[in-house]
Amino acid sequence: ALGTMAATIAHEINNPLMIIQTRTKSIEREINVKSDLDLEKIRTALSGIISTVGKVSKTIHSLRNFSRNSDHDQFENHN
């Protein structure tokens, strides 16, 4: 079960990282190759990067909440 969870987490983080890498390379190409920059293309790529970083951050935040130490949580009896 732990291996499956690790594979899922790796997938959830790796896919957004690939998007970030692809878009970053696209921006780099746009800057290095063209003398007349397509600013709209760059803005779109940057927007995608920002959105993707947000998704990774949300995944990490969820993992932290899931794995946090609950030793000091108050016990509540709902009976």
PDB file of N, CA and C in Angstrom:
ATOM      1  N   ALA A   1       0.835  -1.196   0.000  1.00  0.00           N
ATOM      2  CA  ALA A   1       0.000   0.000   0.000  1.00  0.00           C
ATOM      3  C   ALA A   1       0.880   1.261   0.000  1.00  0.00           C
ATOM      4  N   LEU A   2       1.973   1.211   0.752  1.00  0.00           N
ATOM      5  CA  LEU A   2       2.861   2.367   0.813  1.00  0.00           C
ATOM      6  C   LEU A   2       3.528   2.620  -0.541  1.00  0.00           C
ATOM      7  N   GLY A   3       3.884   1.543  -1.234  1.00  0.00           N
ATOM      8  CA  GLY A   3       4.478   1.678  -2.564  1.00  0.00           C
ATOM      9  C   GLY A   3       3.509   2.302  -3.552  1.00  0.00           C
ATOM     10  N   THR A   4       2.255   1.905  -3.488  1.00  0.00           N
ATOM     11  CA  THR A   4       1.226   2.468  -4.359  1.00  0.00           C
ATOM     12  C   THR A   4       1.037   3.949  -4.068  1.00  0.00           C
ATOM     13  N   MET A   5       1.009   4.289  -2.776  1.00  0.00           N
ATOM     14  CA  MET A   5       0.850   5.684  -2.396  1.00  0.00           C
ATOM     15  C   MET A   5       2.046   6.509  -2.882  1.00  0.00           C
ATOM     16  N   ALA A   6       3.257   5.978  -2.724  1.00  0.00           N
ATOM     17  CA  ALA A   6       4.460   6.687  -3.173  1.00  0.00           C
ATOM     18  C   ALA A   6       4.428   6.897  -4.686  1.00  0.00           C
ATOM     19  N   ALA A   7       3.993   5.879  -5.428  1.00  0.00           N
ATOM     20  CA  ALA A   7       3.905   6.001  -6.889  1.00  0.00           C
ATOM     21  C   ALA A   7       2.884   7.059  -7.283  1.00  0.00           C
ATOM     22  N   THR A   8       1.774   7.109  -6.584  1.00  0.00           N
ATOM     23  CA  THR A   8       0.738   8.111  -6.866  1.00  0.00           C
ATOM     24  C   THR A   8       1.256   9.509  -6.583  1.00  0.00           C
ATOM     25  N   ILE A   9       1.944   9.663  -5.460  1.00  0.00           N
ATOM     26  CA  ILE A   9       2.505  10.970  -5.106  1.00  0.00           C
ATOM     27  C   ILE A   9       3.542  11.395  -6.143  1.00  0.00           C
ATOM     28  N   ALA A  10       4.417  10.480  -6.515  1.00  0.00           N
ATOM     29  CA  ALA A  10       5.436  10.786  -7.517  1.00  0.00           C
ATOM     30  C   ALA A  10       4.780  11.234  -8.819  1.00  0.00           C
ATOM     31  N   HIS A  11       3.724  10.556  -9.223  1.00  0.00           N
ATOM     32  CA  HIS A  11       2.997  10.903 -10.444  1.00  0.00           C
ATOM     33  C   HIS A  11       2.369  12.290 -10.323  1.00  0.00           C
ATOM     34  N   GLU A  12       1.746  12.561  -9.172  1.00  0.00           N
ATOM     35  CA  GLU A  12       1.067  13.839  -8.952  1.00  0.00           C
ATOM     36  C   GLU A  12       2.037  15.017  -8.950  1.00  0.00           C
ATOM     37  N   ILE A  13       3.283  14.765  -8.592  1.00  0.00           N
ATOM     38  CA  ILE A  13       4.283  15.825  -8.582  1.00  0.00           C
ATOM     39  C   ILE A  13       5.050  15.870  -9.900  1.00  0.00           C
ATOM     40  N   ASN A  14       5.350  14.719 -10.473  1.00  0.00           N
ATOM     41  CA  ASN A  14       6.148  14.661 -11.699  1.00  0.00           C
ATOM     42  C   ASN A  14       5.433  15.284 -12.898  1.00  0.00           C
ATOM     43  N   ASN A  15       4.156  15.017 -13.054  1.00  0.00           N
ATOM     44  CA  ASN A  15       3.428  15.571 -14.205  1.00  0.00           C
ATOM     45  C   ASN A  15       3.460  17.097 -14.228  1.00  0.00           C
ATOM     46  N   PRO A  16       3.134  17.770 -13.122  1.00  0.00           N
ATOM     47  CA  PRO A  16       3.233  19.233 -13.151  1.00  0.00           C
ATOM     48  C   PRO A  16       4.656  19.725 -13.393  1.00  0.00           C
ATOM     49  N   LEU A  17       5.649  19.010 -12.876  1.00  0.00           N
ATOM     50  CA  LEU A  17       7.033  19.424 -13.109  1.00  0.00           C
ATOM     51  C   LEU A  17       7.378  19.353 -14.596  1.00  0.00           C
ATOM     52  N   MET A  18       6.853  18.367 -15.291  1.00  0.00           N
ATOM     53  CA  MET A  18       7.088  18.258 -16.736  1.00  0.00           C
ATOM     54  C   MET A  18       6.435  19.427 -17.470  1.00  0.00           C
ATOM     55  N   ILE A  19       5.252  19.840 -17.028  1.00  0.00           N
ATOM     56  CA  ILE A  19       4.583  20.996 -17.636  1.00  0.00           C
ATOM     57  C   ILE A  19       5.426  22.245 -17.421  1.00  0.00           C
ATOM     58  N   ILE A  20       5.914  22.428 -16.194  1.00  0.00           N
ATOM     59  CA  ILE A  20       6.755  23.581 -15.883  1.00  0.00           C
ATOM     60  C   ILE A  20       7.999  23.573 -16.759  1.00  0.00           C
ATOM     61  N   GLN A  21       8.637  22.425 -16.883  1.00  0.00           N
ATOM     62  CA  GLN A  21       9.850  22.325 -17.688  1.00  0.00           C
ATOM     63  C   GLN A  21       9.573  22.648 -19.155  1.00  0.00           C
ATOM     64  N   THR A  22       8.511  22.099 -19.697  1.00  0.00           N
ATOM     65  CA  THR A  22       8.165  22.324 -21.107  1.00  0.00           C
ATOM     66  C   THR A  22       7.889  23.801 -21.365  1.00  0.00           C
ATOM     67  N   ARG A  23       7.113  24.412 -20.495  1.00  0.00           N
ATOM     68  CA  ARG A  23       6.770  25.825 -20.703  1.00  0.00           C
ATOM     69  C   ARG A  23       7.976  26.732 -20.498  1.00  0.00           C
ATOM     70  N   THR A  24       8.822  26.374 -19.556  1.00  0.00           N
ATOM     71  CA  THR A  24      10.035  27.160 -19.329  1.00  0.00           C
ATOM     72  C   THR A  24      10.954  27.090 -20.541  1.00  0.00           C
ATOM     73  N   LYS A  25      11.097  25.907 -21.119  1.00  0.00           N
ATOM     74  CA  LYS A  25      11.923  25.761 -22.323  1.00  0.00           C
ATOM     75  C   LYS A  25      11.325  26.541 -23.488  1.00  0.00           C
ATOM     76  N   SER A  26      10.007  26.579 -23.558  1.00  0.00           N
ATOM     77  CA  SER A  26       9.336  27.344 -24.608  1.00  0.00           C
ATOM     78  C   SER A  26       9.652  28.833 -24.469  1.00  0.00           C
ATOM     79  N   ILE A  27       9.612  29.332 -23.246  1.00  0.00           N
ATOM     80  CA  ILE A  27       9.949  30.735 -23.009  1.00  0.00           C
ATOM     81  C   ILE A  27      11.412  30.982 -23.353  1.00  0.00           C
ATOM     82  N   GLU A  28      12.275  30.091 -22.931  1.00  0.00           N
ATOM     83  CA  GLU A  28      13.709  30.231 -23.220  1.00  0.00           C
ATOM     84  C   GLU A  28      13.952  30.286 -24.725  1.00  0.00           C
ATOM     85  N   ARG A  29      13.297  29.390 -25.464  1.00  0.00           N
ATOM     86  CA  ARG A  29      13.432  29.383 -26.926  1.00  0.00           C
ATOM     87  C   ARG A  29      12.942  30.705 -27.518  1.00  0.00           C
ATOM     88  N   GLU A  30      11.815  31.167 -27.023  1.00  0.00           N
ATOM     89  CA  GLU A  30      11.227  32.418 -27.517  1.00  0.00           C
ATOM     90  C   GLU A  30      12.200  33.581 -27.303  1.00  0.00           C
ATOM     91  N   ILE A  31      12.832  33.607 -26.162  1.00  0.00           N
ATOM     92  CA  ILE A  31      13.756  34.699 -25.833  1.00  0.00           C
ATOM     93  C   ILE A  31      15.062  34.580 -26.617  1.00  0.00           C
ATOM     94  N   ASN A  32      15.596  33.363 -26.723  1.00  0.00           N
ATOM     95  CA  ASN A  32      16.915  33.167 -27.337  1.00  0.00           C
ATOM     96  C   ASN A  32      16.897  33.161 -28.860  1.00  0.00           C
ATOM     97  N   VAL A  33      15.824  32.714 -29.466  1.00  0.00           N
ATOM     98  CA  VAL A  33      15.803  32.503 -30.912  1.00  0.00           C
ATOM     99  C   VAL A  33      15.208  33.681 -31.671  1.00  0.00           C
ATOM    100  N   LYS A  34      14.176  34.267 -31.133  1.00  0.00           N
ATOM    101  CA  LYS A  34      13.467  35.306 -31.879  1.00  0.00           C
ATOM    102  C   LYS A  34      13.914  36.696 -31.468  1.00  0.00           C
ATOM    103  N   SER A  35      14.033  37.543 -32.448  1.00  0.00           N
ATOM    104  CA  SER A  35      14.348  38.935 -32.149  1.00  0.00           C
ATOM    105  C   SER A  35      13.070  39.712 -31.833  1.00  0.00           C
ATOM    106  N   ASP A  36      11.955  39.278 -32.421  1.00  0.00           N
ATOM    107  CA  ASP A  36      10.669  39.911 -32.132  1.00  0.00           C
ATOM    108  C   ASP A  36       9.859  38.960 -31.247  1.00  0.00           C
ATOM    109  N   LEU A  37       9.874  39.230 -29.953  1.00  0.00           N
ATOM    110  CA  LEU A  37       9.262  38.339 -28.982  1.00  0.00           C
ATOM    111  C   LEU A  37       7.738  38.356 -29.082  1.00  0.00           C
ATOM    112  N   ASP A  38       7.158  37.177 -28.972  1.00  0.00           N
ATOM    113  CA  ASP A  38       5.705  37.040 -28.916  1.00  0.00           C
ATOM    114  C   ASP A  38       5.312  37.107 -27.441  1.00  0.00           C
ATOM    115  N   LEU A  39       5.038  38.324 -26.969  1.00  0.00           N
ATOM    116  CA  LEU A  39       4.757  38.523 -25.552  1.00  0.00           C
ATOM    117  C   LEU A  39       3.509  37.776 -25.090  1.00  0.00           C
ATOM    118  N   GLU A  40       2.540  37.638 -25.960  1.00  0.00           N
ATOM    119  CA  GLU A  40       1.319  36.906 -25.573  1.00  0.00           C
ATOM    120  C   GLU A  40       1.630  35.432 -25.328  1.00  0.00           C
ATOM    121  N   LYS A  41       2.489  34.876 -26.172  1.00  0.00           N
ATOM    122  CA  LYS A  41       2.908  33.477 -25.985  1.00  0.00           C
ATOM    123  C   LYS A  41       3.666  33.323 -24.661  1.00  0.00           C
ATOM    124  N   ILE A  42       4.512  34.278 -24.362  1.00  0.00           N
ATOM    125  CA  ILE A  42       5.273  34.238 -23.105  1.00  0.00           C
ATOM    126  C   ILE A  42       4.331  34.388 -21.915  1.00  0.00           C
ATOM    127  N   ARG A  43       3.389  35.315 -21.992  1.00  0.00           N
ATOM    128  CA  ARG A  43       2.416  35.505 -20.902  1.00  0.00           C
ATOM    129  C   ARG A  43       1.598  34.237 -20.666  1.00  0.00           C
ATOM    130  N   THR A  44       1.174  33.604 -21.736  1.00  0.00           N
ATOM    131  CA  THR A  44       0.395  32.370 -21.620  1.00  0.00           C
ATOM    132  C   THR A  44       1.218  31.270 -20.950  1.00  0.00           C
ATOM    133  N   ALA A  45       2.469  31.136 -21.368  1.00  0.00           N
ATOM    134  CA  ALA A  45       3.343  30.121 -20.778  1.00  0.00           C
ATOM    135  C   ALA A  45       3.587  30.413 -19.300  1.00  0.00           C
ATOM    136  N   LEU A  46       3.826  31.674 -18.963  1.00  0.00           N
ATOM    137  CA  LEU A  46       4.049  32.048 -17.567  1.00  0.00           C
ATOM    138  C   LEU A  46       2.809  31.803 -16.718  1.00  0.00           C
ATOM    139  N   SER A  47       1.656  32.094 -17.256  1.00  0.00           N
ATOM    140  CA  SER A  47       0.402  31.850 -16.545  1.00  0.00           C
ATOM    141  C   SER A  47       0.237  30.354 -16.253  1.00  0.00           C
ATOM    142  N   GLY A  48       0.583  29.539 -17.239  1.00  0.00           N
ATOM    143  CA  GLY A  48       0.512  28.086 -17.054  1.00  0.00           C
ATOM    144  C   GLY A  48       1.484  27.598 -15.992  1.00  0.00           C
ATOM    145  N   ILE A  49       2.666  28.185 -15.978  1.00  0.00           N
ATOM    146  CA  ILE A  49       3.663  27.814 -14.973  1.00  0.00           C
ATOM    147  C   ILE A  49       3.151  28.174 -13.579  1.00  0.00           C
ATOM    148  N   ILE A  50       2.639  29.371 -13.430  1.00  0.00           N
ATOM    149  CA  ILE A  50       2.127  29.811 -12.135  1.00  0.00           C
ATOM    150  C   ILE A  50       0.995  28.904 -11.666  1.00  0.00           C
ATOM    151  N   SER A  51       0.092  28.572 -12.556  1.00  0.00           N
ATOM    152  CA  SER A  51      -1.018  27.677 -12.223  1.00  0.00           C
ATOM    153  C   SER A  51      -0.516  26.296 -11.807  1.00  0.00           C
ATOM    154  N   THR A  52       0.455  25.780 -12.536  1.00  0.00           N
ATOM    155  CA  THR A  52       0.993  24.446 -12.259  1.00  0.00           C
ATOM    156  C   THR A  52       1.736  24.422 -10.935  1.00  0.00           C
ATOM    157  N   VAL A  53       2.485  25.473 -10.643  1.00  0.00           N
ATOM    158  CA  VAL A  53       3.169  25.551  -9.348  1.00  0.00           C
ATOM    159  C   VAL A  53       2.134  25.549  -8.222  1.00  0.00           C
ATOM    160  N   GLY A  54       1.027  26.223  -8.428  1.00  0.00           N
ATOM    161  CA  GLY A  54      -0.055  26.207  -7.442  1.00  0.00           C
ATOM    162  C   GLY A  54      -0.590  24.802  -7.195  1.00  0.00           C
ATOM    163  N   LYS A  55      -0.704  24.017  -8.259  1.00  0.00           N
ATOM    164  CA  LYS A  55      -1.185  22.636  -8.119  1.00  0.00           C
ATOM    165  C   LYS A  55      -0.195  21.789  -7.327  1.00  0.00           C
ATOM    166  N   VAL A  56       1.096  21.954  -7.613  1.00  0.00           N
ATOM    167  CA  VAL A  56       2.121  21.210  -6.867  1.00  0.00           C
ATOM    168  C   VAL A  56       2.089  21.626  -5.403  1.00  0.00           C
ATOM    169  N   SER A  57       1.983  22.913  -5.166  1.00  0.00           N
ATOM    170  CA  SER A  57       1.934  23.425  -3.800  1.00  0.00           C
ATOM    171  C   SER A  57       0.736  22.852  -3.046  1.00  0.00           C
ATOM    172  N   LYS A  58      -0.401  22.781  -3.717  1.00  0.00           N
ATOM    173  CA  LYS A  58      -1.606  22.219  -3.098  1.00  0.00           C
ATOM    174  C   LYS A  58      -1.400  20.741  -2.765  1.00  0.00           C
ATOM    175  N   THR A  59      -0.756  20.000  -3.658  1.00  0.00           N
ATOM    176  CA  THR A  59      -0.475  18.583  -3.411  1.00  0.00           C
ATOM    177  C   THR A  59       0.428  18.431  -2.193  1.00  0.00           C
ATOM    178  N   ILE A  60       1.489  19.234  -2.122  1.00  0.00           N
ATOM    179  CA  ILE A  60       2.411  19.172  -0.997  1.00  0.00           C
ATOM    180  C   ILE A  60       1.697  19.550   0.298  1.00  0.00           C
ATOM    181  N   HIS A  61       0.880  20.582   0.261  1.00  0.00           N
ATOM    182  CA  HIS A  61       0.124  21.005   1.439  1.00  0.00           C
ATOM    183  C   HIS A  61      -0.798  19.874   1.923  1.00  0.00           C
ATOM    184  N   SER A  62      -1.465  19.212   0.996  1.00  0.00           N
ATOM    185  CA  SER A  62      -2.342  18.094   1.353  1.00  0.00           C
ATOM    186  C   SER A  62      -1.549  16.953   1.984  1.00  0.00           C
ATOM    187  N   LEU A  63      -0.374  16.668   1.437  1.00  0.00           N
ATOM    188  CA  LEU A  63       0.472  15.615   2.002  1.00  0.00           C
ATOM    189  C   LEU A  63       0.918  15.970   3.416  1.00  0.00           C
ATOM    190  N   ARG A  64       1.277  17.213   3.621  1.00  0.00           N
ATOM    191  CA  ARG A  64       1.685  17.651   4.963  1.00  0.00           C
ATOM    192  C   ARG A  64       0.539  17.502   5.951  1.00  0.00           C
ATOM    193  N   ASN A  65      -0.659  17.896   5.544  1.00  0.00           N
ATOM    194  CA  ASN A  65      -1.818  17.751   6.431  1.00  0.00           C
ATOM    195  C   ASN A  65      -2.098  16.292   6.734  1.00  0.00           C
ATOM    196  N   PHE A  66      -1.959  15.456   5.734  1.00  0.00           N
ATOM    197  CA  PHE A  66      -2.222  14.028   5.906  1.00  0.00           C
ATOM    198  C   PHE A  66      -1.202  13.387   6.845  1.00  0.00           C
ATOM    199  N   SER A  67       0.052  13.793   6.728  1.00  0.00           N
ATOM    200  CA  SER A  67       1.116  13.119   7.461  1.00  0.00           C
ATOM    201  C   SER A  67       1.513  13.821   8.758  1.00  0.00           C
ATOM    202  N   ARG A  68       0.859  14.911   9.086  1.00  0.00           N
ATOM    203  CA  ARG A  68       1.259  15.658  10.280  1.00  0.00           C
ATOM    204  C   ARG A  68       1.095  14.819  11.533  1.00  0.00           C
ATOM    205  N   ASN A  69       1.855  15.156  12.540  1.00  0.00           N
ATOM    206  CA  ASN A  69       1.819  14.461  13.825  1.00  0.00           C
ATOM    207  C   ASN A  69       0.552  14.869  14.569  1.00  0.00           C
ATOM    208  N   SER A  70      -0.267  13.911  14.924  1.00  0.00           N
ATOM    209  CA  SER A  70      -1.521  14.200  15.616  1.00  0.00           C
ATOM    210  C   SER A  70      -1.473  13.768  17.081  1.00  0.00           C
ATOM    211  N   ASP A  71      -0.273  13.567  17.625  1.00  0.00           N
ATOM    212  CA  ASP A  71      -0.134  13.126  19.011  1.00  0.00           C
ATOM    213  C   ASP A  71      -0.750  14.100  20.006  1.00  0.00           C
ATOM    214  N   HIS A  72      -0.763  15.379  19.664  1.00  0.00           N
ATOM    215  CA  HIS A  72      -1.245  16.379  20.605  1.00  0.00           C
ATOM    216  C   HIS A  72      -2.686  16.811  20.329  1.00  0.00           C
ATOM    217  N   ASP A  73      -3.332  16.167  19.379  1.00  0.00           N
ATOM    218  CA  ASP A  73      -4.734  16.491  19.102  1.00  0.00           C
ATOM    219  C   ASP A  73      -5.601  16.050  20.269  1.00  0.00           C
ATOM    220  N   GLN A  74      -6.601  16.867  20.560  1.00  0.00           N
ATOM    221  CA  GLN A  74      -7.515  16.517  21.640  1.00  0.00           C
ATOM    222  C   GLN A  74      -8.435  15.388  21.182  1.00  0.00           C
ATOM    223  N   PHE A  75      -8.692  14.474  22.068  1.00  0.00           N
ATOM    224  CA  PHE A  75      -9.595  13.369  21.785  1.00  0.00           C
ATOM    225  C   PHE A  75     -11.019  13.860  21.991  1.00  0.00           C
ATOM    226  N   GLU A  76     -11.882  13.584  21.053  1.00  0.00           N
ATOM    227  CA  GLU A  76     -13.286  13.960  21.191  1.00  0.00           C
ATOM    228  C   GLU A  76     -14.137  12.706  21.131  1.00  0.00           C
ATOM    229  N   ASN A  77     -15.017  12.575  22.096  1.00  0.00           N
ATOM    230  CA  ASN A  77     -15.948  11.456  22.135  1.00  0.00           C
ATOM    231  C   ASN A  77     -17.275  11.935  21.578  1.00  0.00           C
ATOM    232  N   HIS A  78     -17.731  11.344  20.480  1.00  0.00           N
ATOM    233  CA  HIS A  78     -18.950  11.770  19.819  1.00  0.00           C
ATOM    234  C   HIS A  78     -20.143  10.882  20.194  1.00  0.00           C
ATOM    235  N   ASN A  79     -20.048  10.145  21.265  1.00  0.00           N
ATOM    236  CA  ASN A  79     -21.165   9.269  21.691  1.00  0.00           C
ATOM    237  C   ASN A  79     -22.160  10.006  22.519  1.00  0.00           C
TER     238      ASN A  79
END
